[in-house]
């Protein structure tokens, strides 16, 4: 089920325009079936969460695979989600894997 959840999430994120949040025109015919898979997983008790754009705090149950110093931000945030956090009935089955943006002054060895 984790493979299905990961692949459906990955497919949907590739179909969505990052700026408008809408399904890209070339994926209109495929988006509904993929959305149906994601809704079916939710009905079965799975929650799939990407973290891109979210603020980040130490202690979050996420695997940081890289941290990139970034000018113009005051706190750490998720630049990109490689794998979403997947829960089944609130139990974490897979922690998210992320790349962070961190303020320039906070460069660490994450």
PDB file of N, CA and C in Angstrom:
ATOM      1  N   UNK A   1       0.824  -1.197   0.000  1.00  0.00           N
ATOM      2  CA  UNK A   1       0.000   0.000   0.000  1.00  0.00           C
ATOM      3  C   UNK A   1       0.869   1.262   0.000  1.00  0.00           C
ATOM      4  N   UNK A   2       2.047   1.183   0.656  1.00  0.00           N
ATOM      5  CA  UNK A   2       2.935   2.341   0.658  1.00  0.00           C
ATOM      6  C   UNK A   2       3.391   2.695  -0.761  1.00  0.00           C
ATOM      7  N   UNK A   3       3.686   1.683  -1.558  1.00  0.00           N
ATOM      8  CA  UNK A   3       4.098   1.945  -2.942  1.00  0.00           C
ATOM      9  C   UNK A   3       2.977   2.617  -3.725  1.00  0.00           C
ATOM     10  N   UNK A   4       1.760   2.143  -3.538  1.00  0.00           N
ATOM     11  CA  UNK A   4       0.617   2.743  -4.231  1.00  0.00           C
ATOM     12  C   UNK A   4       0.448   4.192  -3.793  1.00  0.00           C
ATOM     13  N   UNK A   5       0.514   4.432  -2.485  1.00  0.00           N
ATOM     14  CA  UNK A   5       0.353   5.788  -1.956  1.00  0.00           C
ATOM     15  C   UNK A   5       1.456   6.710  -2.465  1.00  0.00           C
ATOM     16  N   UNK A   6       2.704   6.251  -2.406  1.00  0.00           N
ATOM     17  CA  UNK A   6       3.819   7.066  -2.890  1.00  0.00           C
ATOM     18  C   UNK A   6       3.684   7.386  -4.368  1.00  0.00           C
ATOM     19  N   UNK A   7       3.378   6.391  -5.168  1.00  0.00           N
ATOM     20  CA  UNK A   7       3.291   6.605  -6.613  1.00  0.00           C
ATOM     21  C   UNK A   7       2.103   7.475  -7.004  1.00  0.00           C
ATOM     22  N   UNK A   8       0.970   7.304  -6.347  1.00  0.00           N
ATOM     23  CA  UNK A   8      -0.186   8.155  -6.643  1.00  0.00           C
ATOM     24  C   UNK A   8       0.105   9.601  -6.248  1.00  0.00           C
ATOM     25  N   UNK A   9       0.725   9.787  -5.074  1.00  0.00           N
ATOM     26  CA  UNK A   9       1.088  11.144  -4.626  1.00  0.00           C
ATOM     27  C   UNK A   9       2.075  11.771  -5.611  1.00  0.00           C
ATOM     28  N   UNK A  10       3.102  11.021  -5.984  1.00  0.00           N
ATOM     29  CA  UNK A  10       4.120  11.525  -6.910  1.00  0.00           C
ATOM     30  C   UNK A  10       3.484  11.898  -8.254  1.00  0.00           C
ATOM     31  N   UNK A  11       2.603  11.034  -8.761  1.00  0.00           N
ATOM     32  CA  UNK A  11       1.940  11.321 -10.043  1.00  0.00           C
ATOM     33  C   UNK A  11       1.111  12.599  -9.938  1.00  0.00           C
ATOM     34  N   UNK A  12       0.355  12.738  -8.848  1.00  0.00           N
ATOM     35  CA  UNK A  12      -0.492  13.922  -8.705  1.00  0.00           C
ATOM     36  C   UNK A  12       0.357  15.188  -8.586  1.00  0.00           C
ATOM     37  N   UNK A  13       1.460  15.133  -7.857  1.00  0.00           N
ATOM     38  CA  UNK A  13       2.287  16.337  -7.714  1.00  0.00           C
ATOM     39  C   UNK A  13       2.898  16.749  -9.055  1.00  0.00           C
ATOM     40  N   UNK A  14       3.163  15.794  -9.929  1.00  0.00           N
ATOM     41  CA  UNK A  14       3.700  16.131 -11.248  1.00  0.00           C
ATOM     42  C   UNK A  14       2.618  16.710 -12.163  1.00  0.00           C
ATOM     43  N   UNK A  15       1.369  16.413 -11.880  1.00  0.00           N
ATOM     44  CA  UNK A  15       0.265  16.893 -12.712  1.00  0.00           C
ATOM     45  C   UNK A  15      -0.212  18.290 -12.335  1.00  0.00           C
ATOM     46  N   UNK A  16       0.145  18.741 -11.130  1.00  0.00           N
ATOM     47  CA  UNK A  16      -0.340  20.026 -10.631  1.00  0.00           C
ATOM     48  C   UNK A  16       0.662  21.130 -10.962  1.00  0.00           C
ATOM     49  N   UNK A  17       0.170  22.236 -11.496  1.00  0.00           N
ATOM     50  CA  UNK A  17       1.007  23.400 -11.762  1.00  0.00           C
ATOM     51  C   UNK A  17       1.387  24.042 -10.426  1.00  0.00           C
ATOM     52  N   UNK A  18       2.685  24.265 -10.217  1.00  0.00           N
ATOM     53  CA  UNK A  18       3.173  24.800  -8.942  1.00  0.00           C
ATOM     54  C   UNK A  18       2.667  26.202  -8.655  1.00  0.00           C
ATOM     55  N   UNK A  19       2.384  26.967  -9.676  1.00  0.00           N
ATOM     56  CA  UNK A  19       1.980  28.357  -9.479  1.00  0.00           C
ATOM     57  C   UNK A  19       0.473  28.514  -9.317  1.00  0.00           C
ATOM     58  N   UNK A  20      -0.300  27.835 -10.129  1.00  0.00           N
ATOM     59  CA  UNK A  20      -1.757  28.010 -10.072  1.00  0.00           C
ATOM     60  C   UNK A  20      -2.436  27.009  -9.142  1.00  0.00           C
ATOM     61  N   UNK A  21      -1.791  25.855  -8.910  1.00  0.00           N
ATOM     62  CA  UNK A  21      -2.423  24.819  -8.093  1.00  0.00           C
ATOM     63  C   UNK A  21      -3.443  23.996  -8.871  1.00  0.00           C
ATOM     64  N   UNK A  22      -3.567  24.266 -10.147  1.00  0.00           N
ATOM     65  CA  UNK A  22      -4.522  23.560 -11.004  1.00  0.00           C
ATOM     66  C   UNK A  22      -3.825  22.420 -11.753  1.00  0.00           C
ATOM     67  N   UNK A  23      -4.622  21.463 -12.207  1.00  0.00           N
ATOM     68  CA  UNK A  23      -4.094  20.360 -13.010  1.00  0.00           C
ATOM     69  C   UNK A  23      -3.660  20.916 -14.366  1.00  0.00           C
ATOM     70  N   UNK A  24      -2.447  20.552 -14.774  1.00  0.00           N
ATOM     71  CA  UNK A  24      -1.934  20.989 -16.074  1.00  0.00           C
ATOM     72  C   UNK A  24      -2.820  20.409 -17.177  1.00  0.00           C
ATOM     73  N   UNK A  25      -2.983  21.182 -18.231  1.00  0.00           N
ATOM     74  CA  UNK A  25      -3.894  20.801 -19.313  1.00  0.00           C
ATOM     75  C   UNK A  25      -3.604  19.411 -19.874  1.00  0.00           C
ATOM     76  N   UNK A  26      -2.316  19.083 -20.046  1.00  0.00           N
ATOM     77  CA  UNK A  26      -1.972  17.797 -20.653  1.00  0.00           C
ATOM     78  C   UNK A  26      -2.304  16.597 -19.759  1.00  0.00           C
ATOM     79  N   UNK A  27      -2.640  16.846 -18.489  1.00  0.00           N
ATOM     80  CA  UNK A  27      -2.953  15.750 -17.561  1.00  0.00           C
ATOM     81  C   UNK A  27      -4.428  15.697 -17.175  1.00  0.00           C
ATOM     82  N   UNK A  28      -5.261  16.478 -17.828  1.00  0.00           N
ATOM     83  CA  UNK A  28      -6.684  16.529 -17.474  1.00  0.00           C
ATOM     84  C   UNK A  28      -7.349  15.146 -17.483  1.00  0.00           C
ATOM     85  N   UNK A  29      -7.020  14.313 -18.448  1.00  0.00           N
ATOM     86  CA  UNK A  29      -7.662  13.003 -18.556  1.00  0.00           C
ATOM     87  C   UNK A  29      -7.191  11.990 -17.527  1.00  0.00           C
ATOM     88  N   UNK A  30      -6.023  12.191 -16.962  1.00  0.00           N
ATOM     89  CA  UNK A  30      -5.443  11.233 -16.021  1.00  0.00           C
ATOM     90  C   UNK A  30      -5.644  11.661 -14.566  1.00  0.00           C
ATOM     91  N   UNK A  31      -5.836  12.938 -14.339  1.00  0.00           N
ATOM     92  CA  UNK A  31      -5.914  13.460 -12.969  1.00  0.00           C
ATOM     93  C   UNK A  31      -7.077  12.858 -12.176  1.00  0.00           C
ATOM     94  N   UNK A  32      -8.225  12.672 -12.801  1.00  0.00           N
ATOM     95  CA  UNK A  32      -9.383  12.131 -12.067  1.00  0.00           C
ATOM     96  C   UNK A  32      -9.140  10.715 -11.556  1.00  0.00           C
ATOM     97  N   UNK A  33      -8.610   9.803 -12.371  1.00  0.00           N
ATOM     98  CA  UNK A  33      -8.340   8.468 -11.842  1.00  0.00           C
ATOM     99  C   UNK A  33      -7.287   8.469 -10.717  1.00  0.00           C
ATOM    100  N   UNK A  34      -6.253   9.293 -10.846  1.00  0.00           N
ATOM    101  CA  UNK A  34      -5.235   9.360  -9.792  1.00  0.00           C
ATOM    102  C   UNK A  34      -5.849   9.943  -8.529  1.00  0.00           C
ATOM    103  N   UNK A  35      -6.670  10.982  -8.683  1.00  0.00           N
ATOM    104  CA  UNK A  35      -7.372  11.545  -7.532  1.00  0.00           C
ATOM    105  C   UNK A  35      -8.288  10.494  -6.896  1.00  0.00           C
ATOM    106  N   UNK A  36      -8.886   9.656  -7.716  1.00  0.00           N
ATOM    107  CA  UNK A  36      -9.733   8.573  -7.192  1.00  0.00           C
ATOM    108  C   UNK A  36      -8.931   7.588  -6.349  1.00  0.00           C
ATOM    109  N   UNK A  37      -7.717   7.285  -6.772  1.00  0.00           N
ATOM    110  CA  UNK A  37      -6.848   6.402  -5.988  1.00  0.00           C
ATOM    111  C   UNK A  37      -6.534   7.051  -4.641  1.00  0.00           C
ATOM    112  N   UNK A  38      -6.186   8.338  -4.661  1.00  0.00           N
ATOM    113  CA  UNK A  38      -5.863   9.042  -3.421  1.00  0.00           C
ATOM    114  C   UNK A  38      -7.080   9.122  -2.490  1.00  0.00           C
ATOM    115  N   UNK A  39      -8.256   9.386  -3.055  1.00  0.00           N
ATOM    116  CA  UNK A  39      -9.480   9.404  -2.230  1.00  0.00           C
ATOM    117  C   UNK A  39      -9.787   8.030  -1.660  1.00  0.00           C
ATOM    118  N   UNK A  40      -9.576   6.976  -2.463  1.00  0.00           N
ATOM    119  CA  UNK A  40      -9.795   5.613  -1.971  1.00  0.00           C
ATOM    120  C   UNK A  40      -8.867   5.271  -0.814  1.00  0.00           C
ATOM    121  N   UNK A  41      -7.607   5.677  -0.916  1.00  0.00           N
ATOM    122  CA  UNK A  41      -6.658   5.450   0.170  1.00  0.00           C
ATOM    123  C   UNK A  41      -7.101   6.191   1.428  1.00  0.00           C
ATOM    124  N   UNK A  42      -7.602   7.413   1.245  1.00  0.00           N
ATOM    125  CA  UNK A  42      -8.084   8.185   2.400  1.00  0.00           C
ATOM    126  C   UNK A  42      -9.265   7.482   3.061  1.00  0.00           C
ATOM    127  N   UNK A  43     -10.174   6.958   2.254  1.00  0.00           N
ATOM    128  CA  UNK A  43     -11.326   6.229   2.800  1.00  0.00           C
ATOM    129  C   UNK A  43     -10.905   4.986   3.575  1.00  0.00           C
ATOM    130  N   UNK A  44      -9.770   4.395   3.201  1.00  0.00           N
ATOM    131  CA  UNK A  44      -9.259   3.216   3.896  1.00  0.00           C
ATOM    132  C   UNK A  44      -8.477   3.573   5.167  1.00  0.00           C
ATOM    133  N   UNK A  45      -8.274   4.878   5.412  1.00  0.00           N
ATOM    134  CA  UNK A  45      -7.586   5.297   6.625  1.00  0.00           C
ATOM    135  C   UNK A  45      -6.186   5.837   6.414  1.00  0.00           C
ATOM    136  N   UNK A  46      -5.761   5.996   5.163  1.00  0.00           N
ATOM    137  CA  UNK A  46      -4.425   6.520   4.881  1.00  0.00           C
ATOM    138  C   UNK A  46      -4.469   8.040   4.732  1.00  0.00           C
ATOM    139  N   UNK A  47      -3.456   8.690   5.274  1.00  0.00           N
ATOM    140  CA  UNK A  47      -3.260  10.127   5.087  1.00  0.00           C
ATOM    141  C   UNK A  47      -1.898  10.304   4.430  1.00  0.00           C
ATOM    142  N   UNK A  48      -1.860  11.065   3.348  1.00  0.00           N
ATOM    143  CA  UNK A  48      -0.630  11.291   2.599  1.00  0.00           C
ATOM    144  C   UNK A  48      -0.380  12.792   2.590  1.00  0.00           C
ATOM    145  N   UNK A  49       0.769  13.205   3.137  1.00  0.00           N
ATOM    146  CA  UNK A  49       1.055  14.637   3.262  1.00  0.00           C
ATOM    147  C   UNK A  49       2.409  14.985   2.687  1.00  0.00           C
ATOM    148  N   UNK A  50       2.408  15.836   1.675  1.00  0.00           N
ATOM    149  CA  UNK A  50       3.633  16.459   1.195  1.00  0.00           C
ATOM    150  C   UNK A  50       3.899  17.682   2.056  1.00  0.00           C
ATOM    151  N   UNK A  51       5.131  18.092   2.159  1.00  0.00           N
ATOM    152  CA  UNK A  51       5.476  19.166   3.087  1.00  0.00           C
ATOM    153  C   UNK A  51       6.046  20.405   2.410  1.00  0.00           C
ATOM    154  N   UNK A  52       6.146  20.419   1.093  1.00  0.00           N
ATOM    155  CA  UNK A  52       6.743  21.535   0.375  1.00  0.00           C
ATOM    156  C   UNK A  52       6.073  22.848   0.772  1.00  0.00           C
ATOM    157  N   UNK A  53       6.931  23.816   1.180  1.00  0.00           N
ATOM    158  CA  UNK A  53       6.434  25.135   1.581  1.00  0.00           C
ATOM    159  C   UNK A  53       6.110  25.258   3.057  1.00  0.00           C
ATOM    160  N   UNK A  54       6.046  24.140   3.771  1.00  0.00           N
ATOM    161  CA  UNK A  54       5.712  24.179   5.204  1.00  0.00           C
ATOM    162  C   UNK A  54       6.885  24.701   6.024  1.00  0.00           C
ATOM    163  N   UNK A  55       6.595  25.411   7.123  1.00  0.00           N
ATOM    164  CA  UNK A  55       7.679  25.767   8.039  1.00  0.00           C
ATOM    165  C   UNK A  55       8.236  24.504   8.683  1.00  0.00           C
ATOM    166  N   UNK A  56       9.498  24.562   9.083  1.00  0.00           N
ATOM    167  CA  UNK A  56      10.147  23.403   9.688  1.00  0.00           C
ATOM    168  C   UNK A  56      10.668  23.772  11.067  1.00  0.00           C
ATOM    169  N   UNK A  57      10.432  22.888  12.022  1.00  0.00           N
ATOM    170  CA  UNK A  57      10.952  23.035  13.375  1.00  0.00           C
ATOM    171  C   UNK A  57      11.721  21.774  13.736  1.00  0.00           C
ATOM    172  N   UNK A  58      12.816  21.953  14.503  1.00  0.00           N
ATOM    173  CA  UNK A  58      13.571  20.794  15.003  1.00  0.00           C
ATOM    174  C   UNK A  58      12.606  19.858  15.724  1.00  0.00           C
ATOM    175  N   UNK A  59      12.835  18.590  15.595  1.00  0.00           N
ATOM    176  CA  UNK A  59      12.002  17.610  16.280  1.00  0.00           C
ATOM    177  C   UNK A  59      10.828  17.099  15.462  1.00  0.00           C
ATOM    178  N   UNK A  60      10.590  17.699  14.291  1.00  0.00           N
ATOM    179  CA  UNK A  60       9.514  17.189  13.434  1.00  0.00           C
ATOM    180  C   UNK A  60       9.915  15.801  12.957  1.00  0.00           C
ATOM    181  N   UNK A  61       8.953  14.928  12.790  1.00  0.00           N
ATOM    182  CA  UNK A  61       9.226  13.559  12.378  1.00  0.00           C
ATOM    183  C   UNK A  61       9.363  13.505  10.856  1.00  0.00           C
ATOM    184  N   UNK A  62      10.466  14.118  10.370  1.00  0.00           N
ATOM    185  CA  UNK A  62      10.779  14.160   8.948  1.00  0.00           C
ATOM    186  C   UNK A  62      12.250  13.829   8.779  1.00  0.00           C
ATOM    187  N   UNK A  63      12.583  13.200   7.668  1.00  0.00           N
ATOM    188  CA  UNK A  63      13.979  12.903   7.370  1.00  0.00           C
ATOM    189  C   UNK A  63      14.512  14.016   6.469  1.00  0.00           C
ATOM    190  N   UNK A  64      15.458  14.792   7.000  1.00  0.00           N
ATOM    191  CA  UNK A  64      16.060  15.879   6.246  1.00  0.00           C
ATOM    192  C   UNK A  64      17.227  15.294   5.459  1.00  0.00           C
ATOM    193  N   UNK A  65      17.134  15.354   4.121  1.00  0.00           N
ATOM    194  CA  UNK A  65      18.202  14.782   3.305  1.00  0.00           C
ATOM    195  C   UNK A  65      19.201  15.828   2.834  1.00  0.00           C
ATOM    196  N   UNK A  66      18.813  17.103   2.947  1.00  0.00           N
ATOM    197  CA  UNK A  66      19.734  18.197   2.630  1.00  0.00           C
ATOM    198  C   UNK A  66      19.172  19.488   3.204  1.00  0.00           C
ATOM    199  N   UNK A  67      20.081  20.416   3.499  1.00  0.00           N
ATOM    200  CA  UNK A  67      19.684  21.749   3.958  1.00  0.00           C
ATOM    201  C   UNK A  67      20.445  22.764   3.134  1.00  0.00           C
ATOM    202  N   UNK A  68      19.704  23.657   2.502  1.00  0.00           N
ATOM    203  CA  UNK A  68      20.313  24.638   1.617  1.00  0.00           C
ATOM    204  C   UNK A  68      20.178  26.028   2.213  1.00  0.00           C
ATOM    205  N   UNK A  69      21.303  26.690   2.531  1.00  0.00           N
ATOM    206  CA  UNK A  69      21.228  28.070   3.009  1.00  0.00           C
ATOM    207  C   UNK A  69      20.575  28.950   1.940  1.00  0.00           C
ATOM    208  N   UNK A  70      19.625  29.775   2.370  1.00  0.00           N
ATOM    209  CA  UNK A  70      18.835  30.571   1.440  1.00  0.00           C
ATOM    210  C   UNK A  70      18.712  31.996   1.957  1.00  0.00           C
ATOM    211  N   UNK A  71      19.011  32.961   1.116  1.00  0.00           N
ATOM    212  CA  UNK A  71      18.881  34.370   1.488  1.00  0.00           C
ATOM    213  C   UNK A  71      17.402  34.762   1.517  1.00  0.00           C
ATOM    214  N   UNK A  72      17.080  35.696   2.409  1.00  0.00           N
ATOM    215  CA  UNK A  72      15.739  36.271   2.410  1.00  0.00           C
ATOM    216  C   UNK A  72      14.681  35.527   3.198  1.00  0.00           C
ATOM    217  N   UNK A  73      15.054  34.489   3.930  1.00  0.00           N
ATOM    218  CA  UNK A  73      14.077  33.811   4.780  1.00  0.00           C
ATOM    219  C   UNK A  73      14.529  33.935   6.232  1.00  0.00           C
ATOM    220  N   UNK A  74      13.547  33.947   7.140  1.00  0.00           N
ATOM    221  CA  UNK A  74      13.864  34.125   8.557  1.00  0.00           C
ATOM    222  C   UNK A  74      13.778  32.829   9.347  1.00  0.00           C
ATOM    223  N   UNK A  75      13.173  31.812   8.781  1.00  0.00           N
ATOM    224  CA  UNK A  75      13.104  30.516   9.461  1.00  0.00           C
ATOM    225  C   UNK A  75      13.155  29.396   8.428  1.00  0.00           C
ATOM    226  N   UNK A  76      13.497  28.216   8.909  1.00  0.00           N
ATOM    227  CA  UNK A  76      13.613  27.060   8.017  1.00  0.00           C
ATOM    228  C   UNK A  76      12.241  26.688   7.450  1.00  0.00           C
ATOM    229  N   UNK A  77      12.253  26.250   6.201  1.00  0.00           N
ATOM    230  CA  UNK A  77      11.021  25.759   5.578  1.00  0.00           C
ATOM    231  C   UNK A  77      11.392  24.658   4.593  1.00  0.00           C
ATOM    232  N   UNK A  78      10.397  23.884   4.233  1.00  0.00           N
ATOM    233  CA  UNK A  78      10.612  22.760   3.327  1.00  0.00           C
ATOM    234  C   UNK A  78      10.631  23.277   1.890  1.00  0.00           C
ATOM    235  N   UNK A  79      11.758  23.067   1.234  1.00  0.00           N
ATOM    236  CA  UNK A  79      11.898  23.467  -0.163  1.00  0.00           C
ATOM    237  C   UNK A  79      11.242  22.447  -1.086  1.00  0.00           C
ATOM    238  N   UNK A  80      11.458  21.170  -0.778  1.00  0.00           N
ATOM    239  CA  UNK A  80      10.948  20.102  -1.645  1.00  0.00           C
ATOM    240  C   UNK A  80      10.683  18.852  -0.833  1.00  0.00           C
ATOM    241  N   UNK A  81       9.623  18.162  -1.176  1.00  0.00           N
ATOM    242  CA  UNK A  81       9.299  16.871  -0.567  1.00  0.00           C
ATOM    243  C   UNK A  81       9.669  15.778  -1.556  1.00  0.00           C
ATOM    244  N   UNK A  82      10.568  14.872  -1.143  1.00  0.00           N
ATOM    245  CA  UNK A  82      10.900  13.729  -1.988  1.00  0.00           C
ATOM    246  C   UNK A  82       9.937  12.579  -1.745  1.00  0.00           C
ATOM    247  N   UNK A  83       9.630  12.328  -0.479  1.00  0.00           N
ATOM    248  CA  UNK A  83       8.630  11.327  -0.126  1.00  0.00           C
ATOM    249  C   UNK A  83       7.685  11.963   0.876  1.00  0.00           C
ATOM    250  N   UNK A  84       6.378  11.729   0.714  1.00  0.00           N
ATOM    251  CA  UNK A  84       5.420  12.309   1.656  1.00  0.00           C
ATOM    252  C   UNK A  84       5.406  11.521   2.968  1.00  0.00           C
ATOM    253  N   UNK A  85       4.864  12.148   3.996  1.00  0.00           N
ATOM    254  CA  UNK A  85       4.578  11.418   5.223  1.00  0.00           C
ATOM    255  C   UNK A  85       3.299  10.629   4.973  1.00  0.00           C
ATOM    256  N   UNK A  86       3.328   9.351   5.301  1.00  0.00           N
ATOM    257  CA  UNK A  86       2.144   8.512   5.119  1.00  0.00           C
ATOM    258  C   UNK A  86       1.753   7.934   6.475  1.00  0.00           C
ATOM    259  N   UNK A  87       0.487   8.143   6.816  1.00  0.00           N
ATOM    260  CA  UNK A  87      -0.053   7.616   8.064  1.00  0.00           C
ATOM    261  C   UNK A  87      -1.191   6.656   7.740  1.00  0.00           C
ATOM    262  N   UNK A  88      -1.349   5.696   8.605  1.00  0.00           N
ATOM    263  CA  UNK A  88      -2.505   4.805   8.525  1.00  0.00           C
ATOM    264  C   UNK A  88      -3.185   4.868   9.881  1.00  0.00           C
ATOM    265  N   UNK A  89      -4.423   5.363   9.877  1.00  0.00           N
ATOM    266  CA  UNK A  89      -5.162   5.560  11.129  1.00  0.00           C
ATOM    267  C   UNK A  89      -4.309   6.285  12.167  1.00  0.00           C
ATOM    268  N   UNK A  90      -3.683   7.376  11.757  1.00  0.00           N
ATOM    269  CA  UNK A  90      -2.852   8.262  12.592  1.00  0.00           C
ATOM    270  C   UNK A  90      -1.474   7.710  12.944  1.00  0.00           C
ATOM    271  N   UNK A  91      -1.164   6.461  12.620  1.00  0.00           N
ATOM    272  CA  UNK A  91       0.160   5.896  12.901  1.00  0.00           C
ATOM    273  C   UNK A  91       1.059   6.164  11.696  1.00  0.00           C
ATOM    274  N   UNK A  92       2.249   6.725  11.947  1.00  0.00           N
ATOM    275  CA  UNK A  92       3.163   7.026  10.850  1.00  0.00           C
ATOM    276  C   UNK A  92       3.780   5.737  10.320  1.00  0.00           C
ATOM    277  N   UNK A  93       3.534   5.476   9.036  1.00  0.00           N
ATOM    278  CA  UNK A  93       4.131   4.328   8.360  1.00  0.00           C
ATOM    279  C   UNK A  93       5.406   4.737   7.636  1.00  0.00           C
ATOM    280  N   UNK A  94       5.442   5.992   7.191  1.00  0.00           N
ATOM    281  CA  UNK A  94       6.594   6.495   6.455  1.00  0.00           C
ATOM    282  C   UNK A  94       6.772   7.974   6.783  1.00  0.00           C
ATOM    283  N   UNK A  95       7.903   8.333   7.398  1.00  0.00           N
ATOM    284  CA  UNK A  95       8.157   9.764   7.600  1.00  0.00           C
ATOM    285  C   UNK A  95       8.523  10.405   6.275  1.00  0.00           C
ATOM    286  N   UNK A  96       8.162  11.655   6.104  1.00  0.00           N
ATOM    287  CA  UNK A  96       8.508  12.366   4.888  1.00  0.00           C
ATOM    288  C   UNK A  96      10.005  12.561   4.760  1.00  0.00           C
ATOM    289  N   UNK A  97      10.478  12.632   3.522  1.00  0.00           N
ATOM    290  CA  UNK A  97      11.876  12.935   3.224  1.00  0.00           C
ATOM    291  C   UNK A  97      11.892  14.273   2.499  1.00  0.00           C
ATOM    292  N   UNK A  98      12.687  15.212   3.035  1.00  0.00           N
ATOM    293  CA  UNK A  98      12.604  16.585   2.562  1.00  0.00           C
ATOM    294  C   UNK A  98      13.968  17.232   2.342  1.00  0.00           C
ATOM    295  N   UNK A  99      13.949  18.320   1.569  1.00  0.00           N
ATOM    296  CA  UNK A  99      15.080  19.237   1.463  1.00  0.00           C
ATOM    297  C   UNK A  99      14.618  20.532   2.122  1.00  0.00           C
ATOM    298  N   UNK A 100      15.467  21.057   3.018  1.00  0.00           N
ATOM    299  CA  UNK A 100      15.148  22.291   3.711  1.00  0.00           C
ATOM    300  C   UNK A 100      15.803  23.487   3.054  1.00  0.00           C
ATOM    301  N   UNK A 101      15.161  24.632   3.213  1.00  0.00           N
ATOM    302  CA  UNK A 101      15.777  25.928   2.993  1.00  0.00           C
ATOM    303  C   UNK A 101      15.995  26.485   4.392  1.00  0.00           C
ATOM    304  N   UNK A 102      17.204  26.917   4.688  1.00  0.00           N
ATOM    305  CA  UNK A 102      17.472  27.490   6.002  1.00  0.00           C
ATOM    306  C   UNK A 102      18.043  28.892   5.830  1.00  0.00           C
ATOM    307  N   UNK A 103      17.786  29.786   6.807  1.00  0.00           N
ATOM    308  CA  UNK A 103      18.380  31.116   6.717  1.00  0.00           C
ATOM    309  C   UNK A 103      19.904  31.003   6.635  1.00  0.00           C
ATOM    310  N   UNK A 104      20.517  31.904   5.919  1.00  0.00           N
ATOM    311  CA  UNK A 104      21.965  31.858   5.717  1.00  0.00           C
ATOM    312  C   UNK A 104      22.741  31.757   7.027  1.00  0.00           C
ATOM    313  N   UNK A 105      22.311  32.429   8.056  1.00  0.00           N
ATOM    314  CA  UNK A 105      23.031  32.447   9.331  1.00  0.00           C
ATOM    315  C   UNK A 105      22.920  31.135  10.103  1.00  0.00           C
ATOM    316  N   UNK A 106      22.007  30.248   9.694  1.00  0.00           N
ATOM    317  CA  UNK A 106      21.750  29.024  10.426  1.00  0.00           C
ATOM    318  C   UNK A 106      22.330  27.784   9.770  1.00  0.00           C
ATOM    319  N   UNK A 107      23.313  27.903   8.928  1.00  0.00           N
ATOM    320  CA  UNK A 107      23.851  26.730   8.236  1.00  0.00           C
ATOM    321  C   UNK A 107      24.282  25.683   9.254  1.00  0.00           C
ATOM    322  N   UNK A 108      23.733  24.462   9.115  1.00  0.00           N
ATOM    323  CA  UNK A 108      24.021  23.373  10.033  1.00  0.00           C
ATOM    324  C   UNK A 108      24.391  22.128   9.267  1.00  0.00           C
ATOM    325  N   UNK A 109      24.789  21.094   9.987  1.00  0.00           N
ATOM    326  CA  UNK A 109      25.123  19.806   9.367  1.00  0.00           C
ATOM    327  C   UNK A 109      23.961  18.834   9.480  1.00  0.00           C
ATOM    328  N   UNK A 110      22.791  19.177   8.935  1.00  0.00           N
ATOM    329  CA  UNK A 110      21.626  18.290   9.021  1.00  0.00           C
ATOM    330  C   UNK A 110      21.821  17.112   8.185  1.00  0.00           C
TER     331      UNK A 110
END
